[in-house]
Amino acid sequence: MTRIAIYPGSFDPVTRGHEDIIRRSRHFADRVIVAVAVNPGKDPLFTLSERTEFLRVAVGDEAGVEIRAFDGLLAKFAEKVDATLVVRGLRAVSDFEYEFQMALMNRTLYEALETVFLVPDVGLTFLSSSLVKEVARFGGDVGMFVHPTVRAALAEKFAR
């Protein structure tokens, strides 16, 4: 039986922290679907197609990793793709309460779905997409935090 995991997020934009979680999640699953969420409650900097493409470039030809967009309930998407595992990154204790609630709700909606929490590499624990965008907005160098393609796209967005 193939074990399929989903790593969901908005990835606006994908960071080195996300890349770390994607690669390490391969230890728990035969296939990892990086699920780029359409969230009507958020106003993303990058379009869905841009975020999806950034992930493809950043992850490259990583075996067993698939990039897909989804909207609606994660539990329904997981059931549709036969996933039984959700991978979520935790940077700090403050992330846990929300993620814990989401894990319980997802398992309630789709009983076969379990959630695994991973912490990023210690050097990346402070990193978030929001922080990267803020630094880039004010002209800071985000090169060590994102793939060069993402860095260039951020520079272009904020040059306007």
C-alpha atoms as a PDB file:
ATOM      1  CA  MET A   1       0.000   0.000   0.000  1.00  0.00           C
ATOM      2  CA  THR A   2       1.322   3.411  -0.959  1.00  0.00           C
ATOM      3  CA  ARG A   3       1.353   5.901   1.921  1.00  0.00           C
ATOM      4  CA  ILE A   4       0.346   9.341   0.659  1.00  0.00           C
ATOM      5  CA  ALA A   5       0.931  12.500   2.681  1.00  0.00           C
ATOM      6  CA  ILE A   6      -0.262  16.028   2.067  1.00  0.00           C
ATOM      7  CA  TYR A   7       1.720  19.107   3.025  1.00  0.00           C
ATOM      8  CA  PRO A   8      -0.815  21.935   2.694  1.00  0.00           C
ATOM      9  CA  GLY A   9      -0.197  25.651   2.804  1.00  0.00           C
ATOM     10  CA  SER A  10      -0.510  28.926   0.993  1.00  0.00           C
ATOM     11  CA  PHE A  11       3.236  29.032   0.225  1.00  0.00           C
ATOM     12  CA  ASP A  12       3.107  32.765  -0.461  1.00  0.00           C
ATOM     13  CA  PRO A  13       5.989  32.439  -1.158  1.00  0.00           C
ATOM     14  CA  VAL A  14       7.681  29.090  -0.566  1.00  0.00           C
ATOM     15  CA  THR A  15      10.671  29.430   1.791  1.00  0.00           C
ATOM     16  CA  ARG A  16      13.690  27.295   2.631  1.00  0.00           C
ATOM     17  CA  GLY A  17      11.731  26.230   5.724  1.00  0.00           C
ATOM     18  CA  HIS A  18       8.960  24.821   3.524  1.00  0.00           C
ATOM     19  CA  GLU A  19      11.537  23.083   1.348  1.00  0.00           C
ATOM     20  CA  ASP A  20      13.071  21.489   4.445  1.00  0.00           C
ATOM     21  CA  ILE A  21       9.706  20.138   5.623  1.00  0.00           C
ATOM     22  CA  ILE A  22       8.882  18.813   2.139  1.00  0.00           C
ATOM     23  CA  ARG A  23      12.129  16.891   1.853  1.00  0.00           C
ATOM     24  CA  ARG A  24      11.977  15.484   5.375  1.00  0.00           C
ATOM     25  CA  SER A  25       8.339  14.452   4.999  1.00  0.00           C
ATOM     26  CA  ARG A  26       9.472  11.923   2.382  1.00  0.00           C
ATOM     27  CA  HIS A  27      10.706   9.781   5.312  1.00  0.00           C
ATOM     28  CA  PHE A  28       7.074   9.212   6.330  1.00  0.00           C
ATOM     29  CA  ALA A  29       5.376   8.689   2.987  1.00  0.00           C
ATOM     30  CA  ASP A  30       5.904   7.147  -0.415  1.00  0.00           C
ATOM     31  CA  ARG A  31       4.327  10.210  -2.038  1.00  0.00           C
ATOM     32  CA  VAL A  32       4.027  13.743  -0.728  1.00  0.00           C
ATOM     33  CA  ILE A  33       1.484  16.032  -2.315  1.00  0.00           C
ATOM     34  CA  VAL A  34       2.372  19.654  -1.669  1.00  0.00           C
ATOM     35  CA  ALA A  35      -1.105  21.149  -1.706  1.00  0.00           C
ATOM     36  CA  VAL A  36      -1.195  24.844  -2.525  1.00  0.00           C
ATOM     37  CA  ALA A  37      -4.317  26.225  -0.914  1.00  0.00           C
ATOM     38  CA  VAL A  38      -6.751  28.695  -2.387  1.00  0.00           C
ATOM     39  CA  ASN A  39      -7.773  30.663   0.684  1.00  0.00           C
ATOM     40  CA  PRO A  40     -10.519  33.223   0.051  1.00  0.00           C
ATOM     41  CA  GLY A  41      -9.723  34.807   3.425  1.00  0.00           C
ATOM     42  CA  LYS A  42      -6.227  35.774   2.354  1.00  0.00           C
ATOM     43  CA  ASP A  43      -4.981  38.243  -0.220  1.00  0.00           C
ATOM     44  CA  PRO A  44      -1.838  36.560  -1.556  1.00  0.00           C
ATOM     45  CA  LEU A  45       1.076  38.482  -3.017  1.00  0.00           C
ATOM     46  CA  PHE A  46       1.542  35.834  -5.719  1.00  0.00           C
ATOM     47  CA  THR A  47      -1.073  34.118  -7.858  1.00  0.00           C
ATOM     48  CA  LEU A  48      -1.898  30.461  -7.432  1.00  0.00           C
ATOM     49  CA  SER A  49      -0.027  29.590 -10.627  1.00  0.00           C
ATOM     50  CA  GLU A  50       3.046  31.577  -9.508  1.00  0.00           C
ATOM     51  CA  ARG A  51       3.105  29.867  -6.105  1.00  0.00           C
ATOM     52  CA  THR A  52       2.709  26.463  -7.727  1.00  0.00           C
ATOM     53  CA  GLU A  53       5.527  27.176 -10.177  1.00  0.00           C
ATOM     54  CA  PHE A  54       7.830  28.465  -7.410  1.00  0.00           C
ATOM     55  CA  LEU A  55       7.318  25.174  -5.577  1.00  0.00           C
ATOM     56  CA  ARG A  56       8.103  23.181  -8.733  1.00  0.00           C
ATOM     57  CA  VAL A  57      11.325  25.123  -9.195  1.00  0.00           C
ATOM     58  CA  ALA A  58      12.318  25.004  -5.510  1.00  0.00           C
ATOM     59  CA  VAL A  59      11.644  21.298  -5.038  1.00  0.00           C
ATOM     60  CA  GLY A  60      12.933  20.351  -8.476  1.00  0.00           C
ATOM     61  CA  ASP A  61      12.807  16.700  -9.424  1.00  0.00           C
ATOM     62  CA  GLU A  62      12.482  15.453  -5.854  1.00  0.00           C
ATOM     63  CA  ALA A  63      11.301  11.854  -6.180  1.00  0.00           C
ATOM     64  CA  GLY A  64       7.836  11.205  -4.831  1.00  0.00           C
ATOM     65  CA  VAL A  65       6.840  14.871  -4.537  1.00  0.00           C
ATOM     66  CA  GLU A  66       3.872  16.248  -6.440  1.00  0.00           C
ATOM     67  CA  ILE A  67       2.673  19.870  -6.470  1.00  0.00           C
ATOM     68  CA  ARG A  68      -1.087  20.442  -6.704  1.00  0.00           C
ATOM     69  CA  ALA A  69      -3.505  23.265  -6.029  1.00  0.00           C
ATOM     70  CA  PHE A  70      -6.701  22.736  -4.074  1.00  0.00           C
ATOM     71  CA  ASP A  71      -9.573  24.667  -2.637  1.00  0.00           C
ATOM     72  CA  GLY A  72     -12.176  23.751  -0.070  1.00  0.00           C
ATOM     73  CA  LEU A  73     -11.711  21.440   2.876  1.00  0.00           C
ATOM     74  CA  LEU A  74      -8.351  19.752   3.301  1.00  0.00           C
ATOM     75  CA  ALA A  75     -10.066  16.600   4.595  1.00  0.00           C
ATOM     76  CA  LYS A  76     -12.106  16.286   1.394  1.00  0.00           C
ATOM     77  CA  PHE A  77      -9.026  16.846  -0.761  1.00  0.00           C
ATOM     78  CA  ALA A  78      -7.127  14.229   1.269  1.00  0.00           C
ATOM     79  CA  GLU A  79      -9.906  11.708   0.806  1.00  0.00           C
ATOM     80  CA  LYS A  80     -10.043  12.451  -2.932  1.00  0.00           C
ATOM     81  CA  VAL A  81      -6.306  11.731  -3.358  1.00  0.00           C
ATOM     82  CA  ASP A  82      -6.288   8.776  -0.900  1.00  0.00           C
ATOM     83  CA  ALA A  83      -3.964  10.538   1.529  1.00  0.00           C
ATOM     84  CA  THR A  84      -3.888   9.347   5.130  1.00  0.00           C
ATOM     85  CA  LEU A  85      -1.298  11.730   6.502  1.00  0.00           C
ATOM     86  CA  VAL A  86      -1.074  15.508   6.811  1.00  0.00           C
ATOM     87  CA  VAL A  87       2.344  17.036   7.436  1.00  0.00           C
ATOM     88  CA  ARG A  88       2.466  20.374   9.191  1.00  0.00           C
ATOM     89  CA  GLY A  89       5.442  22.437  10.241  1.00  0.00           C
ATOM     90  CA  LEU A  90       5.635  23.928  13.725  1.00  0.00           C
ATOM     91  CA  ARG A  91       8.011  26.835  14.254  1.00  0.00           C
ATOM     92  CA  ALA A  92       7.009  27.740  17.792  1.00  0.00           C
ATOM     93  CA  VAL A  93       4.689  26.711  20.589  1.00  0.00           C
ATOM     94  CA  SER A  94       2.316  29.456  19.453  1.00  0.00           C
ATOM     95  CA  ASP A  95       1.676  27.497  16.226  1.00  0.00           C
ATOM     96  CA  PHE A  96       0.549  24.414  18.126  1.00  0.00           C
ATOM     97  CA  GLU A  97      -2.906  25.413  19.391  1.00  0.00           C
ATOM     98  CA  TYR A  98      -4.250  26.282  15.948  1.00  0.00           C
ATOM     99  CA  GLU A  99      -2.603  23.274  14.297  1.00  0.00           C
ATOM    100  CA  PHE A 100      -3.927  20.949  17.018  1.00  0.00           C
ATOM    101  CA  GLN A 101      -7.492  22.167  16.417  1.00  0.00           C
ATOM    102  CA  MET A 102      -7.110  21.739  12.662  1.00  0.00           C
ATOM    103  CA  ALA A 103      -5.709  18.218  13.085  1.00  0.00           C
ATOM    104  CA  LEU A 104      -8.672  17.179  15.212  1.00  0.00           C
ATOM    105  CA  MET A 105     -11.179  18.727  12.819  1.00  0.00           C
ATOM    106  CA  ASN A 106      -9.567  17.066   9.799  1.00  0.00           C
ATOM    107  CA  ARG A 107      -9.593  13.670  11.524  1.00  0.00           C
ATOM    108  CA  THR A 108     -13.248  14.201  12.497  1.00  0.00           C
ATOM    109  CA  LEU A 109     -14.133  14.963   8.869  1.00  0.00           C
ATOM    110  CA  TYR A 110     -12.010  12.101   7.477  1.00  0.00           C
ATOM    111  CA  GLU A 111     -11.335   9.406  10.040  1.00  0.00           C
ATOM    112  CA  ALA A 112      -8.372   7.904   8.177  1.00  0.00           C
ATOM    113  CA  LEU A 113      -6.447  11.191   8.264  1.00  0.00           C
ATOM    114  CA  GLU A 114      -3.645  11.609  10.805  1.00  0.00           C
ATOM    115  CA  THR A 115      -1.467  14.680  11.272  1.00  0.00           C
ATOM    116  CA  VAL A 116       2.276  14.669  11.870  1.00  0.00           C
ATOM    117  CA  PHE A 117       4.039  17.787  13.119  1.00  0.00           C
ATOM    118  CA  LEU A 118       7.605  18.469  12.049  1.00  0.00           C
ATOM    119  CA  VAL A 119       9.869  21.217  13.264  1.00  0.00           C
ATOM    120  CA  PRO A 120      12.107  22.829  10.670  1.00  0.00           C
ATOM    121  CA  ASP A 121      15.867  22.819  10.800  1.00  0.00           C
ATOM    122  CA  VAL A 122      16.958  24.872  13.805  1.00  0.00           C
ATOM    123  CA  GLY A 123      18.386  27.577  11.541  1.00  0.00           C
ATOM    124  CA  LEU A 124      14.983  28.057   9.907  1.00  0.00           C
ATOM    125  CA  THR A 125      12.639  28.065  12.905  1.00  0.00           C
ATOM    126  CA  PHE A 126      12.114  31.839  12.815  1.00  0.00           C
ATOM    127  CA  LEU A 127      11.318  31.895   9.099  1.00  0.00           C
ATOM    128  CA  SER A 128       7.858  32.561   7.682  1.00  0.00           C
ATOM    129  CA  SER A 129       6.510  33.687   4.330  1.00  0.00           C
ATOM    130  CA  SER A 130       5.158  36.844   5.979  1.00  0.00           C
ATOM    131  CA  LEU A 131       8.552  37.730   7.388  1.00  0.00           C
ATOM    132  CA  VAL A 132      10.254  37.106   4.049  1.00  0.00           C
ATOM    133  CA  LYS A 133       7.751  39.382   2.286  1.00  0.00           C
ATOM    134  CA  GLU A 134       8.253  42.115   4.859  1.00  0.00           C
ATOM    135  CA  VAL A 135      12.032  42.025   4.545  1.00  0.00           C
ATOM    136  CA  ALA A 136      11.793  42.008   0.738  1.00  0.00           C
ATOM    137  CA  ARG A 137       9.265  44.865   0.757  1.00  0.00           C
ATOM    138  CA  PHE A 138      11.801  47.086   2.523  1.00  0.00           C
ATOM    139  CA  GLY A 139      14.696  46.105   0.276  1.00  0.00           C
ATOM    140  CA  GLY A 140      16.359  43.521   2.511  1.00  0.00           C
ATOM    141  CA  ASP A 141      18.212  40.566   1.058  1.00  0.00           C
ATOM    142  CA  VAL A 142      16.116  37.393   1.339  1.00  0.00           C
ATOM    143  CA  GLY A 143      18.453  35.263  -0.756  1.00  0.00           C
ATOM    144  CA  MET A 144      19.337  32.878   2.063  1.00  0.00           C
ATOM    145  CA  PHE A 145      15.652  32.283   2.879  1.00  0.00           C
ATOM    146  CA  VAL A 146      14.174  31.514  -0.558  1.00  0.00           C
ATOM    147  CA  HIS A 147      15.078  29.929  -3.882  1.00  0.00           C
ATOM    148  CA  PRO A 148      16.736  32.385  -6.345  1.00  0.00           C
ATOM    149  CA  THR A 149      13.614  32.344  -8.550  1.00  0.00           C
ATOM    150  CA  VAL A 150      11.476  33.433  -5.608  1.00  0.00           C
ATOM    151  CA  ARG A 151      14.031  36.061  -4.629  1.00  0.00           C
ATOM    152  CA  ALA A 152      13.882  37.555  -8.145  1.00  0.00           C
ATOM    153  CA  ALA A 153      10.063  37.521  -8.142  1.00  0.00           C
ATOM    154  CA  LEU A 154       9.953  39.286  -4.778  1.00  0.00           C
ATOM    155  CA  ALA A 155      12.398  41.928  -6.000  1.00  0.00           C
ATOM    156  CA  GLU A 156      10.266  42.491  -9.082  1.00  0.00           C
ATOM    157  CA  LYS A 157       7.024  42.740  -7.069  1.00  0.00           C
ATOM    158  CA  PHE A 158       8.444  45.298  -4.684  1.00  0.00           C
ATOM    159  CA  ALA A 159      10.312  47.329  -7.320  1.00  0.00           C
ATOM    160  CA  ARG A 160       6.970  48.655  -8.514  1.00  0.00           C
END
